[in-house]
C-alpha cells in the first residue's frame, strides 16, 4: 500500500511538472503571437516558432471535426491516462514509471488545451534542407520521450525473463 502511494506521488509530481512546463511554454508563445504582428519567429536554420491551433490529432489528421470530435479526443485521452495510472503501479523500473509520467503529463497538457481552446496549441517547427517536420509542442515531446522510455524498459524486462 505504501509502495503504491509512493509510486502515485512520483507519477503525479512528475506529470505535474511536465504539465506546468507545457502550460508556461504555450502561454508564452500565445502572448508573443496574440497581436498578429508576428507570424513566425526564426530561431535558426532548423527551428522556427509558428503558432498553430490543431483541432485534429498528430500531423493535423482529422482536423475540422467540430465539437463532437473535440469531446471524443478528450475522452480518449482521459481513458488512456486512467489506463496508464492503473498499469504504472506494476512497473518495477523507475525509468518506466518516468516514461509513463511523461506520457500522462503531455496528455494532460493537450487535454487542457482542448478544454481551453478547442484545439491543441502547437508551435515548434523543425526543418532541414527542404524537409519540414510537423508542428508540435512541449507536451508532444514529452509524450514521445515517454513512449520511447517505456518501450525500452519493456524490452529490458522481456530480456530478463
N, C-alpha and C. Protein backbone atom coordinates (compact mmCIF):
# COMPACT_ATOMS: atom_id res chain seq x y z
N UNK A 1 0.82 -1.20 0.00
CA UNK A 1 0.00 0.00 0.00
C UNK A 1 0.87 1.26 0.00
N UNK A 2 1.87 1.30 0.89
CA UNK A 2 2.76 2.45 0.97
C UNK A 2 3.56 2.60 -0.33
N UNK A 3 3.94 1.45 -0.91
CA UNK A 3 4.66 1.48 -2.19
C UNK A 3 3.80 2.11 -3.27
N UNK A 4 2.51 1.76 -3.32
CA UNK A 4 1.60 2.33 -4.31
C UNK A 4 1.47 3.84 -4.13
N UNK A 5 1.41 4.29 -2.91
CA UNK A 5 1.29 5.73 -2.63
C UNK A 5 2.54 6.46 -3.13
N UNK A 6 3.71 5.87 -2.87
CA UNK A 6 4.96 6.48 -3.34
C UNK A 6 5.01 6.53 -4.87
N UNK A 7 4.57 5.45 -5.50
CA UNK A 7 4.56 5.41 -6.97
C UNK A 7 3.64 6.49 -7.51
N UNK A 8 2.42 6.58 -6.97
CA UNK A 8 1.47 7.57 -7.46
C UNK A 8 1.94 9.00 -7.17
N UNK A 9 2.57 9.20 -6.03
CA UNK A 9 3.09 10.53 -5.72
C UNK A 9 4.15 10.92 -6.76
N UNK A 10 5.05 9.98 -7.07
CA UNK A 10 6.08 10.22 -8.08
C UNK A 10 5.46 10.57 -9.42
N UNK A 11 4.47 9.79 -9.83
CA UNK A 11 3.82 10.00 -11.12
C UNK A 11 3.08 11.34 -11.14
N UNK A 12 2.36 11.65 -10.08
CA UNK A 12 1.62 12.91 -10.03
C UNK A 12 2.57 14.10 -10.03
N UNK A 13 3.65 14.00 -9.25
CA UNK A 13 4.62 15.10 -9.21
C UNK A 13 5.28 15.29 -10.57
N UNK A 14 5.77 14.20 -11.16
CA UNK A 14 6.45 14.28 -12.46
C UNK A 14 5.51 14.79 -13.54
N UNK A 15 4.30 14.25 -13.59
CA UNK A 15 3.31 14.68 -14.59
C UNK A 15 2.95 16.14 -14.41
N UNK A 16 2.84 16.57 -13.18
CA UNK A 16 2.50 17.97 -12.90
C UNK A 16 3.61 18.91 -13.37
N UNK A 17 4.86 18.50 -13.22
CA UNK A 17 5.98 19.32 -13.71
C UNK A 17 5.92 19.45 -15.23
N UNK A 18 5.63 18.35 -15.91
CA UNK A 18 5.51 18.37 -17.37
C UNK A 18 4.35 19.28 -17.76
N UNK A 19 3.21 19.12 -17.10
CA UNK A 19 2.03 19.93 -17.38
C UNK A 19 2.34 21.41 -17.19
N UNK A 20 3.02 21.76 -16.12
CA UNK A 20 3.36 23.16 -15.86
C UNK A 20 4.31 23.71 -16.93
N UNK A 21 5.33 22.96 -17.28
CA UNK A 21 6.28 23.38 -18.31
C UNK A 21 5.57 23.59 -19.64
N UNK A 22 4.68 22.66 -19.99
CA UNK A 22 3.91 22.77 -21.23
C UNK A 22 3.00 24.00 -21.18
N UNK A 23 2.30 24.18 -20.08
CA UNK A 23 1.38 25.30 -19.91
C UNK A 23 2.11 26.64 -20.06
N UNK A 24 3.25 26.77 -19.38
CA UNK A 24 4.01 28.02 -19.44
C UNK A 24 4.55 28.30 -20.85
N UNK A 25 5.02 27.25 -21.52
CA UNK A 25 5.56 27.45 -22.87
C UNK A 25 4.46 27.89 -23.84
N UNK A 26 3.29 27.29 -23.72
CA UNK A 26 2.18 27.65 -24.61
C UNK A 26 1.65 29.05 -24.31
N UNK A 27 1.55 29.39 -23.03
CA UNK A 27 1.10 30.75 -22.69
C UNK A 27 2.08 31.80 -23.19
N UNK A 28 3.37 31.51 -23.10
CA UNK A 28 4.38 32.46 -23.57
C UNK A 28 4.27 32.65 -25.09
N UNK A 29 4.15 31.56 -25.81
CA UNK A 29 4.09 31.67 -27.27
C UNK A 29 2.80 32.36 -27.71
N UNK A 30 1.70 32.09 -27.03
CA UNK A 30 0.43 32.76 -27.36
C UNK A 30 0.55 34.26 -27.08
N UNK A 31 1.20 34.62 -26.00
CA UNK A 31 1.35 36.05 -25.68
C UNK A 31 2.21 36.76 -26.72
N UNK A 32 3.18 36.08 -27.28
CA UNK A 32 4.03 36.68 -28.30
C UNK A 32 3.26 36.87 -29.60
N UNK A 33 2.42 35.90 -29.97
CA UNK A 33 1.71 35.93 -31.25
C UNK A 33 0.33 36.59 -31.18
N UNK A 34 -0.14 36.97 -29.99
CA UNK A 34 -1.54 37.38 -29.83
C UNK A 34 -1.96 38.60 -30.63
N UNK A 35 -1.08 39.52 -30.87
CA UNK A 35 -1.45 40.74 -31.60
C UNK A 35 -1.47 40.54 -33.11
N UNK A 36 -0.99 39.42 -33.58
CA UNK A 36 -0.97 39.14 -35.01
C UNK A 36 0.13 39.85 -35.78
N UNK A 37 1.00 40.54 -35.06
CA UNK A 37 2.10 41.25 -35.71
C UNK A 37 3.18 40.26 -36.14
N UNK A 38 3.44 39.28 -35.29
CA UNK A 38 4.47 38.28 -35.56
C UNK A 38 3.82 37.05 -36.18
N UNK A 39 4.34 36.60 -37.32
CA UNK A 39 3.82 35.40 -37.97
C UNK A 39 4.71 34.20 -37.71
N UNK A 40 6.02 34.45 -37.60
CA UNK A 40 6.97 33.37 -37.39
C UNK A 40 8.18 33.93 -36.65
N UNK A 41 8.71 33.14 -35.74
CA UNK A 41 9.94 33.52 -35.05
C UNK A 41 11.04 32.59 -35.55
N UNK A 42 12.00 33.17 -36.24
CA UNK A 42 13.14 32.42 -36.74
C UNK A 42 14.13 32.23 -35.59
N UNK A 43 14.48 30.98 -35.30
CA UNK A 43 15.46 30.69 -34.25
C UNK A 43 16.80 30.36 -34.88
N UNK A 44 16.79 29.43 -35.82
CA UNK A 44 17.99 29.10 -36.59
C UNK A 44 17.55 28.39 -37.87
N UNK A 45 18.49 27.88 -38.65
CA UNK A 45 18.12 27.29 -39.93
C UNK A 45 17.31 26.00 -39.80
N UNK A 46 17.20 25.47 -38.60
CA UNK A 46 16.46 24.22 -38.37
C UNK A 46 15.20 24.39 -37.53
N UNK A 47 15.03 25.54 -36.92
CA UNK A 47 13.95 25.72 -35.95
C UNK A 47 13.29 27.09 -36.08
N UNK A 48 11.95 27.06 -36.14
CA UNK A 48 11.13 28.27 -36.09
C UNK A 48 10.02 28.03 -35.08
N UNK A 49 9.46 29.11 -34.59
CA UNK A 49 8.24 29.03 -33.78
C UNK A 49 7.10 29.63 -34.60
N UNK A 50 6.05 28.84 -34.79
CA UNK A 50 4.87 29.25 -35.54
C UNK A 50 3.66 28.80 -34.73
N UNK A 51 2.74 29.70 -34.46
CA UNK A 51 1.56 29.36 -33.66
C UNK A 51 0.49 28.70 -34.53
N UNK A 52 0.09 27.49 -34.12
CA UNK A 52 -0.95 26.74 -34.82
C UNK A 52 -1.90 26.15 -33.78
N UNK A 53 -3.18 26.25 -34.05
CA UNK A 53 -4.18 25.59 -33.20
C UNK A 53 -4.66 24.36 -33.95
N UNK A 54 -4.26 23.18 -33.47
CA UNK A 54 -4.53 21.91 -34.15
C UNK A 54 -5.79 21.27 -33.56
N UNK A 55 -6.86 21.22 -34.35
CA UNK A 55 -8.11 20.61 -33.88
C UNK A 55 -8.11 19.10 -34.09
N UNK A 56 -7.15 18.60 -34.85
CA UNK A 56 -7.10 17.17 -35.12
C UNK A 56 -6.16 16.45 -34.17
N UNK A 57 -5.55 15.38 -34.69
CA UNK A 57 -4.56 14.63 -33.92
C UNK A 57 -3.20 14.88 -34.56
N UNK A 58 -2.24 14.01 -34.36
CA UNK A 58 -0.90 14.19 -34.91
C UNK A 58 -0.94 14.52 -36.40
N UNK A 59 -0.03 15.41 -36.80
CA UNK A 59 0.08 15.87 -38.18
C UNK A 59 -1.17 16.59 -38.66
N UNK A 60 -2.07 16.97 -37.77
CA UNK A 60 -3.30 17.65 -38.16
C UNK A 60 -4.34 16.71 -38.77
N UNK A 61 -4.12 15.40 -38.65
CA UNK A 61 -5.10 14.45 -39.18
C UNK A 61 -6.45 14.63 -38.50
N UNK A 62 -7.49 14.48 -39.26
CA UNK A 62 -8.88 14.57 -38.78
C UNK A 62 -9.22 15.95 -38.23
N UNK A 63 -8.54 16.98 -38.71
CA UNK A 63 -8.84 18.34 -38.27
C UNK A 63 -10.21 18.77 -38.79
N UNK A 64 -10.85 19.65 -38.06
CA UNK A 64 -12.13 20.20 -38.50
C UNK A 64 -13.32 19.35 -38.16
N UNK A 65 -13.18 18.45 -37.20
CA UNK A 65 -14.29 17.57 -36.83
C UNK A 65 -15.31 18.21 -35.92
N UNK A 66 -15.07 19.41 -35.49
CA UNK A 66 -16.05 20.13 -34.68
C UNK A 66 -16.07 19.73 -33.21
N UNK A 67 -17.12 20.13 -32.55
CA UNK A 67 -17.26 19.95 -31.11
C UNK A 67 -17.33 18.46 -30.72
N UNK A 68 -18.01 17.66 -31.53
CA UNK A 68 -18.11 16.23 -31.23
C UNK A 68 -16.73 15.59 -31.21
N UNK A 69 -15.91 15.92 -32.22
CA UNK A 69 -14.56 15.38 -32.28
C UNK A 69 -13.73 15.82 -31.09
N UNK A 70 -13.89 17.07 -30.68
CA UNK A 70 -13.15 17.58 -29.53
C UNK A 70 -13.43 16.72 -28.31
N UNK A 71 -14.69 16.40 -28.07
CA UNK A 71 -15.06 15.61 -26.89
C UNK A 71 -14.63 14.15 -27.02
N UNK A 72 -14.63 13.63 -28.23
CA UNK A 72 -14.13 12.27 -28.45
C UNK A 72 -12.64 12.20 -28.12
N UNK A 73 -11.88 13.17 -28.61
CA UNK A 73 -10.44 13.19 -28.36
C UNK A 73 -10.12 13.41 -26.87
N UNK A 74 -10.88 14.28 -26.22
CA UNK A 74 -10.69 14.48 -24.78
C UNK A 74 -11.00 13.18 -24.04
N UNK A 75 -12.09 12.53 -24.39
CA UNK A 75 -12.49 11.28 -23.73
C UNK A 75 -11.44 10.19 -23.93
N UNK A 76 -10.96 10.04 -25.16
CA UNK A 76 -9.92 9.03 -25.42
C UNK A 76 -8.65 9.31 -24.62
N UNK A 77 -8.27 10.56 -24.55
CA UNK A 77 -7.08 10.93 -23.78
C UNK A 77 -7.25 10.60 -22.30
N UNK A 78 -8.41 10.89 -21.75
CA UNK A 78 -8.66 10.60 -20.34
C UNK A 78 -8.68 9.09 -20.09
N UNK A 79 -9.24 8.33 -21.00
CA UNK A 79 -9.24 6.87 -20.87
C UNK A 79 -7.80 6.34 -20.87
N UNK A 80 -6.97 6.86 -21.76
CA UNK A 80 -5.57 6.44 -21.82
C UNK A 80 -4.84 6.82 -20.53
N UNK A 81 -5.09 8.01 -20.02
CA UNK A 81 -4.46 8.45 -18.77
C UNK A 81 -4.86 7.51 -17.62
N UNK A 82 -6.13 7.18 -17.53
CA UNK A 82 -6.61 6.27 -16.47
C UNK A 82 -5.94 4.90 -16.62
N UNK A 83 -5.87 4.40 -17.86
CA UNK A 83 -5.21 3.12 -18.11
C UNK A 83 -3.75 3.16 -17.65
N UNK A 84 -3.04 4.24 -17.99
CA UNK A 84 -1.64 4.36 -17.59
C UNK A 84 -1.49 4.44 -16.07
N UNK A 85 -2.43 5.12 -15.41
CA UNK A 85 -2.38 5.19 -13.94
C UNK A 85 -2.60 3.80 -13.32
N UNK A 86 -3.36 2.97 -13.98
CA UNK A 86 -3.59 1.62 -13.46
C UNK A 86 -2.37 0.72 -13.65
N UNK A 87 -1.67 0.88 -14.77
CA UNK A 87 -0.53 -0.02 -15.01
C UNK A 87 0.77 0.46 -14.37
N UNK A 88 0.86 1.74 -14.02
CA UNK A 88 2.13 2.27 -13.52
C UNK A 88 2.55 1.61 -12.21
N UNK A 89 1.62 1.21 -11.37
CA UNK A 89 1.99 0.62 -10.08
C UNK A 89 2.64 -0.76 -10.26
N UNK A 90 2.44 -1.38 -11.42
CA UNK A 90 3.05 -2.69 -11.69
C UNK A 90 4.43 -2.58 -12.33
N UNK A 91 4.85 -1.37 -12.64
CA UNK A 91 6.15 -1.16 -13.26
C UNK A 91 7.23 -1.14 -12.18
N UNK A 92 8.25 -1.97 -12.37
CA UNK A 92 9.30 -2.07 -11.36
C UNK A 92 10.44 -1.09 -11.58
N UNK A 93 10.66 -0.69 -12.83
CA UNK A 93 11.76 0.21 -13.13
C UNK A 93 11.34 1.68 -13.01
N UNK A 94 12.17 2.45 -12.36
CA UNK A 94 11.91 3.88 -12.20
C UNK A 94 11.82 4.58 -13.55
N UNK A 95 12.65 4.18 -14.50
CA UNK A 95 12.65 4.80 -15.82
C UNK A 95 11.32 4.53 -16.53
N UNK A 96 10.77 3.35 -16.34
CA UNK A 96 9.47 3.03 -16.93
C UNK A 96 8.37 3.90 -16.32
N UNK A 97 8.43 4.09 -15.02
CA UNK A 97 7.46 4.97 -14.34
C UNK A 97 7.62 6.41 -14.82
N UNK A 98 8.87 6.81 -15.03
CA UNK A 98 9.12 8.16 -15.53
C UNK A 98 8.54 8.32 -16.94
N UNK A 99 8.72 7.30 -17.76
CA UNK A 99 8.15 7.33 -19.11
C UNK A 99 6.65 7.48 -19.08
N UNK A 100 5.99 6.72 -18.21
CA UNK A 100 4.53 6.82 -18.07
C UNK A 100 4.15 8.21 -17.56
N UNK A 101 4.94 8.75 -16.64
CA UNK A 101 4.67 10.10 -16.12
C UNK A 101 4.77 11.13 -17.23
N UNK A 102 5.76 10.99 -18.11
CA UNK A 102 5.92 11.91 -19.23
C UNK A 102 4.70 11.84 -20.16
N UNK A 103 4.24 10.62 -20.42
CA UNK A 103 3.07 10.45 -21.30
C UNK A 103 1.84 11.10 -20.67
N UNK A 104 1.63 10.85 -19.38
CA UNK A 104 0.47 11.40 -18.68
C UNK A 104 0.54 12.93 -18.65
N UNK A 105 1.71 13.48 -18.30
CA UNK A 105 1.86 14.93 -18.25
C UNK A 105 1.61 15.59 -19.60
N UNK A 106 2.16 14.99 -20.65
CA UNK A 106 1.94 15.52 -22.00
C UNK A 106 0.49 15.42 -22.43
N UNK A 107 -0.13 14.28 -22.14
CA UNK A 107 -1.54 14.09 -22.49
C UNK A 107 -2.42 15.09 -21.75
N UNK A 108 -2.11 15.33 -20.48
CA UNK A 108 -2.89 16.32 -19.71
C UNK A 108 -2.72 17.72 -20.29
N UNK A 109 -1.51 18.05 -20.74
CA UNK A 109 -1.28 19.35 -21.36
C UNK A 109 -2.14 19.55 -22.60
N UNK A 110 -2.22 18.51 -23.43
CA UNK A 110 -3.01 18.61 -24.65
C UNK A 110 -4.51 18.57 -24.36
N UNK A 111 -4.92 17.80 -23.34
CA UNK A 111 -6.34 17.79 -22.94
C UNK A 111 -6.74 19.17 -22.42
N UNK A 112 -5.86 19.78 -21.64
CA UNK A 112 -6.14 21.12 -21.12
C UNK A 112 -6.35 22.10 -22.27
N UNK A 113 -5.50 22.00 -23.30
CA UNK A 113 -5.66 22.86 -24.48
C UNK A 113 -7.02 22.65 -25.14
N UNK A 114 -7.43 21.41 -25.29
CA UNK A 114 -8.72 21.13 -25.95
C UNK A 114 -9.87 21.71 -25.15
N UNK A 115 -9.78 21.63 -23.83
CA UNK A 115 -10.81 22.27 -22.99
C UNK A 115 -10.80 23.78 -23.17
N UNK A 116 -9.60 24.36 -23.13
CA UNK A 116 -9.46 25.81 -23.12
C UNK A 116 -9.67 26.44 -24.50
N UNK A 117 -9.10 25.85 -25.54
CA UNK A 117 -9.13 26.47 -26.87
C UNK A 117 -9.93 25.68 -27.90
N UNK A 118 -10.31 24.46 -27.57
CA UNK A 118 -10.97 23.60 -28.55
C UNK A 118 -9.99 22.99 -29.53
N UNK A 119 -8.70 23.20 -29.29
CA UNK A 119 -7.63 22.69 -30.15
C UNK A 119 -6.34 22.63 -29.33
N UNK A 120 -5.37 21.91 -29.84
CA UNK A 120 -4.06 21.83 -29.18
C UNK A 120 -3.17 22.93 -29.74
N UNK A 121 -2.47 23.62 -28.85
CA UNK A 121 -1.56 24.69 -29.23
C UNK A 121 -0.22 24.07 -29.62
N UNK A 122 0.13 24.19 -30.89
CA UNK A 122 1.42 23.72 -31.40
C UNK A 122 2.23 24.91 -31.87
N UNK A 123 3.56 24.82 -31.73
CA UNK A 123 4.36 25.99 -32.12
C UNK A 123 5.80 25.68 -32.51
N UNK A 124 6.29 24.49 -32.32
CA UNK A 124 7.68 24.16 -32.63
C UNK A 124 7.74 23.57 -34.04
N UNK A 125 8.49 24.23 -34.92
CA UNK A 125 8.61 23.79 -36.31
C UNK A 125 10.07 23.45 -36.61
N UNK A 126 10.33 22.17 -36.83
CA UNK A 126 11.67 21.71 -37.20
C UNK A 126 11.73 21.49 -38.71
N UNK A 127 12.85 21.85 -39.31
CA UNK A 127 13.01 21.67 -40.75
C UNK A 127 14.49 21.62 -41.10
N UNK A 128 14.79 20.97 -42.21
CA UNK A 128 16.17 20.91 -42.69
C UNK A 128 16.19 20.54 -44.16
N UNK A 129 16.94 21.29 -44.93
CA UNK A 129 17.17 21.01 -46.35
C UNK A 129 15.88 20.73 -47.12
N UNK A 130 14.88 21.57 -46.91
CA UNK A 130 13.62 21.45 -47.63
C UNK A 130 12.61 20.50 -47.00
N UNK A 131 13.04 19.69 -46.03
CA UNK A 131 12.13 18.79 -45.34
C UNK A 131 11.63 19.48 -44.08
N UNK A 132 10.33 19.47 -43.89
CA UNK A 132 9.74 20.10 -42.71
C UNK A 132 8.94 19.07 -41.92
N UNK A 133 9.25 18.96 -40.64
CA UNK A 133 8.51 18.08 -39.76
C UNK A 133 7.21 18.77 -39.38
N UNK A 134 6.28 18.04 -38.82
CA UNK A 134 5.03 18.67 -38.41
C UNK A 134 5.27 19.61 -37.23
N UNK A 135 4.37 20.51 -36.99
CA UNK A 135 4.49 21.47 -35.90
C UNK A 135 3.95 20.81 -34.64
N UNK A 136 4.71 20.90 -33.55
CA UNK A 136 4.36 20.21 -32.31
C UNK A 136 4.59 21.12 -31.12
N UNK A 137 4.43 20.58 -29.92
CA UNK A 137 4.58 21.36 -28.70
C UNK A 137 5.39 20.59 -27.66
N UNK A 138 5.58 21.18 -26.51
CA UNK A 138 6.35 20.57 -25.43
C UNK A 138 5.67 19.29 -24.95
N UNK A 139 4.35 19.29 -24.83
CA UNK A 139 3.63 18.09 -24.40
C UNK A 139 3.89 16.93 -25.36
N UNK A 140 3.87 17.21 -26.65
CA UNK A 140 4.14 16.17 -27.65
C UNK A 140 5.55 15.59 -27.48
N UNK A 141 6.51 16.46 -27.20
CA UNK A 141 7.89 15.99 -26.99
C UNK A 141 7.95 15.01 -25.83
N UNK A 142 7.30 15.37 -24.73
CA UNK A 142 7.33 14.50 -23.56
C UNK A 142 6.57 13.20 -23.79
N UNK A 143 5.49 13.24 -24.55
CA UNK A 143 4.76 12.01 -24.88
C UNK A 143 5.68 11.07 -25.67
N UNK A 144 6.36 11.60 -26.67
CA UNK A 144 7.26 10.77 -27.49
C UNK A 144 8.41 10.22 -26.65
N UNK A 145 9.04 11.07 -25.85
CA UNK A 145 10.13 10.61 -24.98
C UNK A 145 9.62 9.55 -24.01
N UNK A 146 8.43 9.78 -23.45
CA UNK A 146 7.84 8.81 -22.51
C UNK A 146 7.57 7.47 -23.16
N UNK A 147 7.04 7.48 -24.35
CA UNK A 147 6.78 6.23 -25.07
C UNK A 147 8.10 5.50 -25.34
N UNK A 148 9.11 6.22 -25.76
CA UNK A 148 10.42 5.61 -26.03
C UNK A 148 10.99 4.99 -24.76
N UNK A 149 10.96 5.72 -23.65
CA UNK A 149 11.45 5.19 -22.38
C UNK A 149 10.68 3.93 -21.96
N UNK A 150 9.38 3.99 -22.08
CA UNK A 150 8.54 2.86 -21.69
C UNK A 150 8.84 1.63 -22.55
N UNK A 151 8.95 1.82 -23.85
CA UNK A 151 9.23 0.69 -24.75
C UNK A 151 10.60 0.10 -24.46
N UNK A 152 11.60 0.94 -24.26
CA UNK A 152 12.94 0.44 -23.94
C UNK A 152 12.89 -0.39 -22.66
N UNK A 153 12.19 0.09 -21.65
CA UNK A 153 12.08 -0.65 -20.39
C UNK A 153 11.36 -1.99 -20.59
N UNK A 154 10.37 -2.03 -21.45
CA UNK A 154 9.67 -3.28 -21.70
C UNK A 154 10.59 -4.29 -22.37
N UNK A 155 11.46 -3.82 -23.27
CA UNK A 155 12.44 -4.71 -23.90
C UNK A 155 13.44 -5.22 -22.87
N UNK A 156 13.87 -4.35 -21.96
CA UNK A 156 14.79 -4.76 -20.91
C UNK A 156 14.14 -5.82 -20.03
N UNK A 157 12.90 -5.58 -19.64
CA UNK A 157 12.20 -6.55 -18.79
C UNK A 157 11.96 -7.87 -19.52
N UNK A 158 11.61 -7.80 -20.80
CA UNK A 158 11.37 -9.04 -21.54
C UNK A 158 12.66 -9.82 -21.75
N UNK A 159 13.79 -9.14 -21.86
CA UNK A 159 15.08 -9.84 -21.99
C UNK A 159 15.49 -10.50 -20.68
N UNK A 160 15.09 -9.93 -19.55
CA UNK A 160 15.40 -10.54 -18.25
C UNK A 160 14.58 -11.80 -18.05
N UNK A 161 13.38 -11.83 -18.61
CA UNK A 161 12.52 -13.01 -18.45
C UNK A 161 12.85 -13.98 -19.56
